[in-house]
Protein backbone atom coordinates (compact mmCIF):
# COMPACT_ATOMS: atom_id res chain seq x y z
CA MET A 1 -20.86 28.42 26.63
CA GLU A 2 -20.28 27.56 23.13
CA TYR A 3 -18.21 25.16 22.15
CA ASP A 4 -16.18 24.79 18.82
CA VAL A 5 -15.35 21.07 18.18
CA VAL A 6 -13.41 20.26 15.20
CA ILE A 7 -12.63 16.46 14.86
CA PHE A 8 -9.66 15.46 12.73
CA GLY A 9 -7.47 12.32 12.85
CA PHE A 10 -5.49 10.05 10.15
CA ARG A 11 -6.67 7.41 8.03
CA THR A 12 -4.63 4.31 6.84
CA LYS A 13 -5.41 2.42 3.58
CA VAL A 14 -3.06 -0.53 2.63
CA PHE A 15 -3.43 -1.42 -1.66
CA ILE A 16 -1.88 -4.68 -3.41
CA LEU A 17 -0.03 -3.02 -6.43
CA THR A 18 1.33 -6.51 -7.62
CA VAL A 19 1.88 -9.79 -6.93
CA LEU A 20 6.11 -10.88 -7.22
CA THR A 21 8.29 -14.32 -6.80
CA LEU A 22 10.83 -13.14 -4.62
CA VAL A 23 13.10 -15.49 -2.21
CA CYS A 24 12.40 -14.74 1.17
CA ARG A 25 15.28 -12.87 3.05
CA GLN A 26 13.57 -14.76 6.44
CA CYS A 27 13.10 -18.52 5.26
CA GLY A 28 14.32 -18.45 1.73
CA ASN A 29 11.48 -19.91 -0.05
CA PRO A 30 10.75 -18.43 -3.43
CA VAL A 31 7.17 -17.50 -2.88
CA ALA A 32 4.64 -14.86 -3.98
CA HIS A 33 5.27 -11.45 -1.92
CA PRO A 34 2.60 -8.61 -2.54
CA LEU A 35 4.21 -5.52 -3.08
CA HIS A 36 1.96 -3.23 -0.51
CA LYS A 37 1.69 0.28 -0.67
CA ALA A 38 0.27 2.35 2.58
CA VAL A 39 -1.19 5.74 2.35
CA THR A 40 -1.88 7.82 5.48
CA LYS A 41 -4.09 10.80 4.90
CA PHE A 42 -5.16 13.39 7.47
CA THR A 43 -9.20 13.53 7.65
CA LEU A 44 -11.10 16.49 8.68
CA PHE A 45 -14.86 15.54 9.79
CA PHE A 46 -14.35 11.98 8.58
CA VAL A 47 -13.26 13.21 4.99
CA PRO A 48 -9.53 12.10 3.89
CA LEU A 49 -8.04 15.61 2.64
CA PHE A 50 -4.18 15.06 1.65
CA PRO A 51 -1.86 12.04 2.15
CA VAL A 52 0.41 12.79 4.92
CA LYS A 53 3.00 9.46 4.82
CA THR A 54 3.46 6.82 2.20
CA ARG A 55 5.55 3.43 3.01
CA TYR A 56 6.13 0.30 0.76
CA SER A 57 6.56 -3.27 1.84
CA THR A 58 6.43 -6.75 0.63
CA GLN A 59 5.69 -9.73 2.72
CA CYS A 60 6.40 -13.43 2.76
CA THR A 61 2.77 -15.72 2.09
CA TYR A 62 4.98 -18.52 3.11
CA CYS A 63 6.59 -17.24 6.67
CA GLY A 64 4.43 -14.25 6.89
CA ALA A 65 7.98 -11.69 7.28
CA ALA A 66 7.30 -8.11 6.14
CA THR A 67 10.26 -6.29 4.59
CA ARG A 68 10.25 -2.28 4.26
CA LEU A 69 10.90 -0.96 0.77
CA ASP A 70 12.01 2.62 -0.09
CA LYS A 71 10.05 4.20 -2.97
CA ALA A 72 12.56 3.63 -5.59
CA GLU A 73 12.97 -0.32 -4.96
CA ALA A 74 9.09 -0.34 -4.87
CA THR A 75 9.09 1.69 -8.13
CA ARG A 76 11.83 -1.02 -9.97
CA LEU A 77 10.35 -3.31 -8.73
CA LEU A 78 6.26 -2.50 -10.11
CA GLN A 79 8.55 -2.03 -13.34
CA GLN A 80 10.09 -5.53 -13.19
CA ALA A 81 6.62 -7.10 -12.98
CA GLY A 82 4.98 -5.02 -15.83
CA GLY A 83 3.52 -2.71 -14.24
CA SER A 84 4.11 0.91 -14.55
CA PRO A 85 4.14 3.43 -11.64
CA GLU A 86 1.32 5.39 -14.11
CA ARG A 87 -0.81 2.42 -13.46
CA GLN A 88 -0.92 2.57 -9.57
CA GLY A 89 -4.12 4.59 -9.84
CA VAL A 90 -5.94 2.52 -11.67
CA GLN A 91 -4.99 -0.78 -9.51
CA GLN A 92 -5.80 1.17 -6.35
CA GLN A 93 -9.49 2.10 -7.41
CA TYR A 94 -9.73 -1.64 -8.16
CA GLN A 95 -8.24 -2.27 -4.96
CA GLN A 96 -11.14 0.39 -3.09
CA ASN A 97 -14.26 -1.04 -5.83
CA PRO A 98 -13.70 -4.46 -6.16
CA PRO A 99 -15.91 -5.83 -8.49
CA ARG A 100 -19.20 -7.97 -7.59
CA THR A 101 -19.23 -11.32 -8.40
C-alpha cells in the first residue's frame, strides 16, 4: 500500500506596527498601546504560501485590555503616529529579524 501524505496547516505571526499613547477604554489611563497586526498564512509542508486572514488590535500596557480594530482604523492610527502603510513591510521585516546586540 502506498500513502500520499500532504502536510498543511496555518501559521499566525504577530507584528508590532507602532506604539501609540491612547486613553484605555477599560481602565481610563493614558498609556502606551502597541498596534498589532496578526497575519495568518496557509502553509504547505511548513512553508507559508499566502495570507488567509489579517487582524489588527491594540493592547493597553497598564491593564492588558485588547481592542480589535478594522483595517481602516488601524491605517488611520498608523498615519496619525507618523508611519505610512507603505512602510509596514519594513517594520515587519524588522520584527522578524531584529538586530543582534
